[in-house]
């Protein structure tokens, strides 16, 4: 279903931090992209605010929040820029790196390698564009071409109906939501911690993050110990080096 609502870029600074943070960066690519799509590009009724009109060339359209006109956005470049400019990656990156070091320090996983791999998601690259295109392609919608080509009378009528919602109901809904939010804050924090632990466990089980130790065919203990010590020295050196590097990067941002 297609929403009559525009994408409200002015709300992105508040919303984006809920979808791009140290926890969501531990998600799989599919889950990460889907989380952004559902929370930023759908309305409260689950209708798409974005429509892919050409899935091969990645042409998208959505309603401008200022003048109501339809905007054409090739490969979602404008939208992605708005999302990225509204995010605060510096602090979230630091939190993520600290969590990875705490989780995988002393294991056969390199937290810096994992970190570098996980933050690639923040670029919102082709995987994100393809995910949105697949879920919003016009030919996959239950709306036929005839309805799409009608003039804007029905569209405007639907907008008016939405605007005529009872104000008292809206106030009551906001009040209820606020009360529920206060009651569920502690539960949400516990659930978030549990979910993060599960995501980190998944990362820990991923063999692509294993450090490849070199040893003789006989698995000589001295050789293994020597290589292990070398790895630890390299790890400590990298720790200082990367920390300095990331601090400089953060300051530049």
C-alpha atoms as a PDB file:
ATOM      1  CA  UNK A   1       0.000   0.000   0.000  1.00  0.00           C
ATOM      2  CA  UNK A   2       1.143   3.546  -0.799  1.00  0.00           C
ATOM      3  CA  UNK A   3       1.028   6.241   1.884  1.00  0.00           C
ATOM      4  CA  UNK A   4      -0.258   9.765   1.346  1.00  0.00           C
ATOM      5  CA  UNK A   5       2.257  11.099   3.876  1.00  0.00           C
ATOM      6  CA  UNK A   6       5.501  12.829   2.876  1.00  0.00           C
ATOM      7  CA  UNK A   7       8.875  11.808   4.221  1.00  0.00           C
ATOM      8  CA  UNK A   8       9.479  14.208   7.087  1.00  0.00           C
ATOM      9  CA  UNK A   9      13.166  14.999   6.883  1.00  0.00           C
ATOM     10  CA  UNK A  10      12.846  17.479   9.734  1.00  0.00           C
ATOM     11  CA  UNK A  11      12.145  14.529  12.061  1.00  0.00           C
ATOM     12  CA  UNK A  12      15.222  12.569  10.954  1.00  0.00           C
ATOM     13  CA  UNK A  13      17.605  13.991  13.609  1.00  0.00           C
ATOM     14  CA  UNK A  14      15.333  12.429  16.259  1.00  0.00           C
ATOM     15  CA  UNK A  15      14.493   9.207  14.431  1.00  0.00           C
ATOM     16  CA  UNK A  16      17.797   8.253  12.819  1.00  0.00           C
ATOM     17  CA  UNK A  17      19.602   7.616  16.094  1.00  0.00           C
ATOM     18  CA  UNK A  18      17.072   4.872  16.819  1.00  0.00           C
ATOM     19  CA  UNK A  19      17.966   2.998  13.627  1.00  0.00           C
ATOM     20  CA  UNK A  20      21.701   3.700  13.315  1.00  0.00           C
ATOM     21  CA  UNK A  21      23.430   3.046  16.611  1.00  0.00           C
ATOM     22  CA  UNK A  22      25.879   0.708  18.312  1.00  0.00           C
ATOM     23  CA  UNK A  23      23.219  -1.993  18.700  1.00  0.00           C
ATOM     24  CA  UNK A  24      21.750  -1.929  15.188  1.00  0.00           C
ATOM     25  CA  UNK A  25      25.223  -1.951  13.653  1.00  0.00           C
ATOM     26  CA  UNK A  26      25.608  -5.480  15.013  1.00  0.00           C
ATOM     27  CA  UNK A  27      22.590  -6.606  12.953  1.00  0.00           C
ATOM     28  CA  UNK A  28      22.961  -8.549   9.728  1.00  0.00           C
ATOM     29  CA  UNK A  29      22.838  -6.401   6.585  1.00  0.00           C
ATOM     30  CA  UNK A  30      19.301  -7.559   5.834  1.00  0.00           C
ATOM     31  CA  UNK A  31      18.007  -6.795   9.323  1.00  0.00           C
ATOM     32  CA  UNK A  32      19.828  -3.439   9.475  1.00  0.00           C
ATOM     33  CA  UNK A  33      18.422  -2.238   6.137  1.00  0.00           C
ATOM     34  CA  UNK A  34      14.945  -3.530   6.904  1.00  0.00           C
ATOM     35  CA  UNK A  35      14.921  -1.725  10.241  1.00  0.00           C
ATOM     36  CA  UNK A  36      15.639   1.629   8.555  1.00  0.00           C
ATOM     37  CA  UNK A  37      13.115   0.964   5.792  1.00  0.00           C
ATOM     38  CA  UNK A  38      10.300   0.121   8.211  1.00  0.00           C
ATOM     39  CA  UNK A  39      10.968   2.890  10.726  1.00  0.00           C
ATOM     40  CA  UNK A  40      11.799   5.782   8.395  1.00  0.00           C
ATOM     41  CA  UNK A  41      10.114   5.010   5.096  1.00  0.00           C
ATOM     42  CA  UNK A  42       6.729   3.707   6.248  1.00  0.00           C
ATOM     43  CA  UNK A  43       3.861   5.519   7.955  1.00  0.00           C
ATOM     44  CA  UNK A  44       2.142   4.399  11.158  1.00  0.00           C
ATOM     45  CA  UNK A  45      -0.215   2.191   9.153  1.00  0.00           C
ATOM     46  CA  UNK A  46       2.665   0.355   7.497  1.00  0.00           C
ATOM     47  CA  UNK A  47       2.191   2.048   4.106  1.00  0.00           C
ATOM     48  CA  UNK A  48       5.228   2.956   2.019  1.00  0.00           C
ATOM     49  CA  UNK A  49       6.169   6.626   1.782  1.00  0.00           C
ATOM     50  CA  UNK A  50       8.639   5.783  -0.995  1.00  0.00           C
ATOM     51  CA  UNK A  51       7.842   4.194  -4.338  1.00  0.00           C
ATOM     52  CA  UNK A  52      10.342   2.559  -6.690  1.00  0.00           C
ATOM     53  CA  UNK A  53       9.228   3.320 -10.248  1.00  0.00           C
ATOM     54  CA  UNK A  54      12.160   1.722 -12.081  1.00  0.00           C
ATOM     55  CA  UNK A  55      13.828  -1.174 -10.297  1.00  0.00           C
ATOM     56  CA  UNK A  56      16.592  -1.568 -12.896  1.00  0.00           C
ATOM     57  CA  UNK A  57      17.753   2.048 -12.881  1.00  0.00           C
ATOM     58  CA  UNK A  58      16.747   2.524  -9.235  1.00  0.00           C
ATOM     59  CA  UNK A  59      14.358   5.441  -9.723  1.00  0.00           C
ATOM     60  CA  UNK A  60      12.360   6.380  -6.632  1.00  0.00           C
ATOM     61  CA  UNK A  61       9.694   8.932  -5.875  1.00  0.00           C
ATOM     62  CA  UNK A  62       8.203  10.338  -2.683  1.00  0.00           C
ATOM     63  CA  UNK A  63       6.211  13.351  -1.563  1.00  0.00           C
ATOM     64  CA  UNK A  64       8.005  16.588  -0.661  1.00  0.00           C
ATOM     65  CA  UNK A  65       7.154  17.628   2.886  1.00  0.00           C
ATOM     66  CA  UNK A  66       7.274  21.365   2.065  1.00  0.00           C
ATOM     67  CA  UNK A  67       5.213  21.761  -1.116  1.00  0.00           C
ATOM     68  CA  UNK A  68       3.494  18.385  -1.535  1.00  0.00           C
ATOM     69  CA  UNK A  69       5.066  17.780  -4.957  1.00  0.00           C
ATOM     70  CA  UNK A  70       6.436  14.373  -5.904  1.00  0.00           C
ATOM     71  CA  UNK A  71      10.229  14.216  -5.800  1.00  0.00           C
ATOM     72  CA  UNK A  72      12.253  11.949  -8.093  1.00  0.00           C
ATOM     73  CA  UNK A  73      15.309  10.571  -6.334  1.00  0.00           C
ATOM     74  CA  UNK A  74      17.776   8.494  -8.366  1.00  0.00           C
ATOM     75  CA  UNK A  75      19.277   5.678  -6.285  1.00  0.00           C
ATOM     76  CA  UNK A  76      17.891   7.405  -3.187  1.00  0.00           C
ATOM     77  CA  UNK A  77      20.904   9.716  -3.156  1.00  0.00           C
ATOM     78  CA  UNK A  78      19.028  12.664  -1.611  1.00  0.00           C
ATOM     79  CA  UNK A  79      17.312  10.499   0.970  1.00  0.00           C
ATOM     80  CA  UNK A  80      20.508   8.699   1.960  1.00  0.00           C
ATOM     81  CA  UNK A  81      22.315  12.028   2.358  1.00  0.00           C
ATOM     82  CA  UNK A  82      19.532  13.227   4.661  1.00  0.00           C
ATOM     83  CA  UNK A  83      19.736  10.069   6.770  1.00  0.00           C
ATOM     84  CA  UNK A  84      23.522  10.154   7.057  1.00  0.00           C
ATOM     85  CA  UNK A  85      23.641  13.880   7.827  1.00  0.00           C
ATOM     86  CA  UNK A  86      21.103  13.332  10.614  1.00  0.00           C
ATOM     87  CA  UNK A  87      23.071  10.548  12.297  1.00  0.00           C
ATOM     88  CA  UNK A  88      25.676  10.953  15.011  1.00  0.00           C
ATOM     89  CA  UNK A  89      28.197   8.218  14.192  1.00  0.00           C
ATOM     90  CA  UNK A  90      31.086   9.407  16.328  1.00  0.00           C
ATOM     91  CA  UNK A  91      29.749   8.427  19.725  1.00  0.00           C
ATOM     92  CA  UNK A  92      28.030   5.280  18.444  1.00  0.00           C
ATOM     93  CA  UNK A  93      31.248   4.074  16.828  1.00  0.00           C
ATOM     94  CA  UNK A  94      33.131   4.536  20.062  1.00  0.00           C
ATOM     95  CA  UNK A  95      30.476   2.642  22.004  1.00  0.00           C
ATOM     96  CA  UNK A  96      30.479  -0.187  19.459  1.00  0.00           C
ATOM     97  CA  UNK A  97      34.265  -0.501  19.434  1.00  0.00           C
ATOM     98  CA  UNK A  98      34.406  -0.604  23.234  1.00  0.00           C
ATOM     99  CA  UNK A  99      31.719  -3.312  23.301  1.00  0.00           C
ATOM    100  CA  UNK A 100      33.572  -5.391  20.729  1.00  0.00           C
ATOM    101  CA  UNK A 101      36.869  -5.113  22.606  1.00  0.00           C
ATOM    102  CA  UNK A 102      35.146  -6.082  25.847  1.00  0.00           C
ATOM    103  CA  UNK A 103      33.407  -9.035  24.181  1.00  0.00           C
ATOM    104  CA  UNK A 104      36.242 -10.440  22.083  1.00  0.00           C
ATOM    105  CA  UNK A 105      39.430  -9.374  23.858  1.00  0.00           C
ATOM    106  CA  UNK A 106      41.523 -12.472  24.464  1.00  0.00           C
ATOM    107  CA  UNK A 107      39.584 -14.592  21.971  1.00  0.00           C
ATOM    108  CA  UNK A 108      40.375 -15.693  18.438  1.00  0.00           C
ATOM    109  CA  UNK A 109      38.333 -12.756  17.111  1.00  0.00           C
ATOM    110  CA  UNK A 110      39.904  -9.432  16.151  1.00  0.00           C
ATOM    111  CA  UNK A 111      37.552  -6.697  17.438  1.00  0.00           C
ATOM    112  CA  UNK A 112      39.080  -4.118  15.099  1.00  0.00           C
ATOM    113  CA  UNK A 113      38.482  -6.261  12.040  1.00  0.00           C
ATOM    114  CA  UNK A 114      34.898  -6.895  13.180  1.00  0.00           C
ATOM    115  CA  UNK A 115      34.430  -3.177  13.853  1.00  0.00           C
ATOM    116  CA  UNK A 116      35.662  -2.191  10.387  1.00  0.00           C
ATOM    117  CA  UNK A 117      33.304  -4.716   8.817  1.00  0.00           C
ATOM    118  CA  UNK A 118      30.231  -3.718  10.839  1.00  0.00           C
ATOM    119  CA  UNK A 119      30.456   0.033  10.266  1.00  0.00           C
ATOM    120  CA  UNK A 120      30.330  -0.466   6.487  1.00  0.00           C
ATOM    121  CA  UNK A 121      26.555  -0.593   6.937  1.00  0.00           C
ATOM    122  CA  UNK A 122      26.568   3.083   7.849  1.00  0.00           C
ATOM    123  CA  UNK A 123      27.368   3.977   4.260  1.00  0.00           C
ATOM    124  CA  UNK A 124      23.866   2.870   3.198  1.00  0.00           C
ATOM    125  CA  UNK A 125      25.329   1.490  -0.004  1.00  0.00           C
ATOM    126  CA  UNK A 126      23.763  -0.568  -2.800  1.00  0.00           C
ATOM    127  CA  UNK A 127      22.494  -3.210  -0.376  1.00  0.00           C
ATOM    128  CA  UNK A 128      20.254  -0.607   1.237  1.00  0.00           C
ATOM    129  CA  UNK A 129      19.056   0.785  -2.106  1.00  0.00           C
ATOM    130  CA  UNK A 130      18.288  -2.706  -3.415  1.00  0.00           C
ATOM    131  CA  UNK A 131      16.419  -3.586  -0.243  1.00  0.00           C
ATOM    132  CA  UNK A 132      14.164  -0.526  -0.507  1.00  0.00           C
ATOM    133  CA  UNK A 133      13.660  -1.073  -4.232  1.00  0.00           C
ATOM    134  CA  UNK A 134      12.615  -4.693  -3.726  1.00  0.00           C
ATOM    135  CA  UNK A 135      10.047  -3.727  -1.096  1.00  0.00           C
ATOM    136  CA  UNK A 136       8.610  -0.635  -2.785  1.00  0.00           C
ATOM    137  CA  UNK A 137       8.629  -1.540  -6.495  1.00  0.00           C
ATOM    138  CA  UNK A 138       5.428  -0.270  -8.056  1.00  0.00           C
ATOM    139  CA  UNK A 139       4.656  -3.482  -9.961  1.00  0.00           C
ATOM    140  CA  UNK A 140       4.721  -5.432  -6.718  1.00  0.00           C
ATOM    141  CA  UNK A 141       2.013  -3.241  -5.227  1.00  0.00           C
ATOM    142  CA  UNK A 142      -1.653  -4.104  -5.089  1.00  0.00           C
ATOM    143  CA  UNK A 143      -2.443  -0.780  -6.752  1.00  0.00           C
ATOM    144  CA  UNK A 144      -3.050  -1.034 -10.502  1.00  0.00           C
ATOM    145  CA  UNK A 145      -1.844   1.430 -13.103  1.00  0.00           C
ATOM    146  CA  UNK A 146      -5.329   2.812 -13.575  1.00  0.00           C
ATOM    147  CA  UNK A 147      -5.482   3.999  -9.984  1.00  0.00           C
ATOM    148  CA  UNK A 148      -1.993   5.435 -10.182  1.00  0.00           C
ATOM    149  CA  UNK A 149      -2.823   7.508 -13.247  1.00  0.00           C
ATOM    150  CA  UNK A 150      -5.941   9.134 -11.817  1.00  0.00           C
ATOM    151  CA  UNK A 151      -5.766  12.874 -11.145  1.00  0.00           C
ATOM    152  CA  UNK A 152      -5.021  14.109  -7.654  1.00  0.00           C
ATOM    153  CA  UNK A 153      -8.639  14.570  -6.544  1.00  0.00           C
ATOM    154  CA  UNK A 154      -8.853  11.214  -4.790  1.00  0.00           C
ATOM    155  CA  UNK A 155      -5.397  11.722  -3.391  1.00  0.00           C
ATOM    156  CA  UNK A 156      -6.273  15.129  -1.977  1.00  0.00           C
ATOM    157  CA  UNK A 157      -9.524  13.768  -0.604  1.00  0.00           C
ATOM    158  CA  UNK A 158      -7.636  11.077   1.273  1.00  0.00           C
ATOM    159  CA  UNK A 159      -5.300  13.707   2.689  1.00  0.00           C
ATOM    160  CA  UNK A 160      -8.249  15.778   3.905  1.00  0.00           C
ATOM    161  CA  UNK A 161      -9.756  12.743   5.601  1.00  0.00           C
ATOM    162  CA  UNK A 162      -6.506  12.107   7.400  1.00  0.00           C
ATOM    163  CA  UNK A 163      -6.317  15.716   8.530  1.00  0.00           C
ATOM    164  CA  UNK A 164      -9.866  15.567   9.928  1.00  0.00           C
ATOM    165  CA  UNK A 165      -8.931  13.068  12.643  1.00  0.00           C
ATOM    166  CA  UNK A 166     -10.473  13.936  15.983  1.00  0.00           C
ATOM    167  CA  UNK A 167      -8.025  16.092  17.964  1.00  0.00           C
ATOM    168  CA  UNK A 168      -9.165  14.689  21.305  1.00  0.00           C
ATOM    169  CA  UNK A 169      -8.366  11.169  20.135  1.00  0.00           C
ATOM    170  CA  UNK A 170      -4.921  12.310  19.064  1.00  0.00           C
ATOM    171  CA  UNK A 171      -4.261  13.918  22.447  1.00  0.00           C
ATOM    172  CA  UNK A 172      -5.468  10.831  24.279  1.00  0.00           C
ATOM    173  CA  UNK A 173      -3.302   8.645  22.105  1.00  0.00           C
ATOM    174  CA  UNK A 174      -0.232  10.776  22.795  1.00  0.00           C
ATOM    175  CA  UNK A 175      -0.973  10.700  26.527  1.00  0.00           C
ATOM    176  CA  UNK A 176      -1.345   6.924  26.528  1.00  0.00           C
ATOM    177  CA  UNK A 177       1.819   6.483  24.513  1.00  0.00           C
ATOM    178  CA  UNK A 178       3.761   8.646  26.953  1.00  0.00           C
ATOM    179  CA  UNK A 179       2.510   6.650  29.949  1.00  0.00           C
ATOM    180  CA  UNK A 180       3.293   3.359  28.257  1.00  0.00           C
ATOM    181  CA  UNK A 181       6.735   4.596  27.314  1.00  0.00           C
ATOM    182  CA  UNK A 182       7.537   5.526  30.918  1.00  0.00           C
ATOM    183  CA  UNK A 183       6.345   2.147  32.174  1.00  0.00           C
ATOM    184  CA  UNK A 184       8.293   0.172  29.597  1.00  0.00           C
ATOM    185  CA  UNK A 185      11.613   2.034  29.725  1.00  0.00           C
ATOM    186  CA  UNK A 186      13.283  -0.428  32.085  1.00  0.00           C
ATOM    187  CA  UNK A 187      11.908  -3.441  30.225  1.00  0.00           C
ATOM    188  CA  UNK A 188      13.131  -2.004  26.922  1.00  0.00           C
ATOM    189  CA  UNK A 189      16.626  -1.490  28.317  1.00  0.00           C
ATOM    190  CA  UNK A 190      16.771  -5.102  29.479  1.00  0.00           C
ATOM    191  CA  UNK A 191      15.474  -6.353  26.141  1.00  0.00           C
ATOM    192  CA  UNK A 192      18.001  -4.191  24.282  1.00  0.00           C
ATOM    193  CA  UNK A 193      20.850  -5.597  26.358  1.00  0.00           C
ATOM    194  CA  UNK A 194      19.660  -9.152  25.730  1.00  0.00           C
ATOM    195  CA  UNK A 195      19.252  -8.503  22.005  1.00  0.00           C
ATOM    196  CA  UNK A 196      22.704  -6.955  21.790  1.00  0.00           C
ATOM    197  CA  UNK A 197      24.236  -9.952  23.550  1.00  0.00           C
ATOM    198  CA  UNK A 198      22.539 -12.274  21.056  1.00  0.00           C
ATOM    199  CA  UNK A 199      23.826 -10.252  18.092  1.00  0.00           C
ATOM    200  CA  UNK A 200      27.347 -10.249  19.513  1.00  0.00           C
ATOM    201  CA  UNK A 201      27.124 -14.002  20.051  1.00  0.00           C
ATOM    202  CA  UNK A 202      26.189 -14.415  16.387  1.00  0.00           C
ATOM    203  CA  UNK A 203      29.231 -12.361  15.434  1.00  0.00           C
ATOM    204  CA  UNK A 204      31.356 -14.517  17.722  1.00  0.00           C
ATOM    205  CA  UNK A 205      30.183 -17.639  15.887  1.00  0.00           C
ATOM    206  CA  UNK A 206      31.044 -16.190  12.485  1.00  0.00           C
ATOM    207  CA  UNK A 207      34.221 -17.906  11.283  1.00  0.00           C
ATOM    208  CA  UNK A 208      35.141 -15.063   8.935  1.00  0.00           C
ATOM    209  CA  UNK A 209      36.252 -13.048  11.963  1.00  0.00           C
ATOM    210  CA  UNK A 210      38.655 -15.730  13.244  1.00  0.00           C
ATOM    211  CA  UNK A 211      42.312 -14.786  13.596  1.00  0.00           C
ATOM    212  CA  UNK A 212      44.378 -17.251  11.583  1.00  0.00           C
ATOM    213  CA  UNK A 213      47.206 -18.416  13.797  1.00  0.00           C
ATOM    214  CA  UNK A 214      50.265 -19.910  12.068  1.00  0.00           C
ATOM    215  CA  UNK A 215      51.771 -23.081  13.480  1.00  0.00           C
ATOM    216  CA  UNK A 216      53.703 -26.200  12.409  1.00  0.00           C
ATOM    217  CA  UNK A 217      51.841 -29.288  11.340  1.00  0.00           C
ATOM    218  CA  UNK A 218      52.767 -30.809  14.721  1.00  0.00           C
ATOM    219  CA  UNK A 219      51.021 -27.906  16.489  1.00  0.00           C
ATOM    220  CA  UNK A 220      54.196 -27.221  18.446  1.00  0.00           C
ATOM    221  CA  UNK A 221      53.195 -25.457  21.663  1.00  0.00           C
ATOM    222  CA  UNK A 222      56.234 -23.186  21.673  1.00  0.00           C
ATOM    223  CA  UNK A 223      55.481 -22.016  18.146  1.00  0.00           C
ATOM    224  CA  UNK A 224      51.863 -21.408  19.047  1.00  0.00           C
ATOM    225  CA  UNK A 225      52.876 -19.502  22.170  1.00  0.00           C
ATOM    226  CA  UNK A 226      55.361 -17.386  20.214  1.00  0.00           C
ATOM    227  CA  UNK A 227      52.799 -16.526  17.533  1.00  0.00           C
ATOM    228  CA  UNK A 228      50.206 -15.829  20.210  1.00  0.00           C
ATOM    229  CA  UNK A 229      52.586 -13.405  21.938  1.00  0.00           C
ATOM    230  CA  UNK A 230      53.268 -11.738  18.617  1.00  0.00           C
ATOM    231  CA  UNK A 231      49.542 -11.409  18.050  1.00  0.00           C
ATOM    232  CA  UNK A 232      49.092  -9.874  21.490  1.00  0.00           C
ATOM    233  CA  UNK A 233      51.876  -7.363  20.876  1.00  0.00           C
ATOM    234  CA  UNK A 234      50.372  -6.524  17.489  1.00  0.00           C
ATOM    235  CA  UNK A 235      46.942  -6.263  19.094  1.00  0.00           C
ATOM    236  CA  UNK A 236      48.183  -3.822  21.752  1.00  0.00           C
ATOM    237  CA  UNK A 237      50.027  -1.781  19.132  1.00  0.00           C
ATOM    238  CA  UNK A 238      46.937  -1.708  16.918  1.00  0.00           C
ATOM    239  CA  UNK A 239      44.817  -0.761  19.903  1.00  0.00           C
ATOM    240  CA  UNK A 240      46.856   2.407  20.480  1.00  0.00           C
ATOM    241  CA  UNK A 241      47.176   3.080  16.776  1.00  0.00           C
ATOM    242  CA  UNK A 242      43.492   2.593  16.004  1.00  0.00           C
ATOM    243  CA  UNK A 243      42.391   4.574  19.052  1.00  0.00           C
ATOM    244  CA  UNK A 244      44.508   7.500  17.924  1.00  0.00           C
ATOM    245  CA  UNK A 245      43.310   7.069  14.368  1.00  0.00           C
ATOM    246  CA  UNK A 246      39.637   6.952  15.334  1.00  0.00           C
ATOM    247  CA  UNK A 247      39.993   9.875  17.727  1.00  0.00           C
ATOM    248  CA  UNK A 248      41.478  11.946  14.917  1.00  0.00           C
ATOM    249  CA  UNK A 249      38.684  10.766  12.620  1.00  0.00           C
ATOM    250  CA  UNK A 250      36.026  11.673  15.174  1.00  0.00           C
ATOM    251  CA  UNK A 251      37.504  15.133  15.705  1.00  0.00           C
ATOM    252  CA  UNK A 252      37.570  15.737  11.949  1.00  0.00           C
ATOM    253  CA  UNK A 253      33.863  14.943  11.798  1.00  0.00           C
END
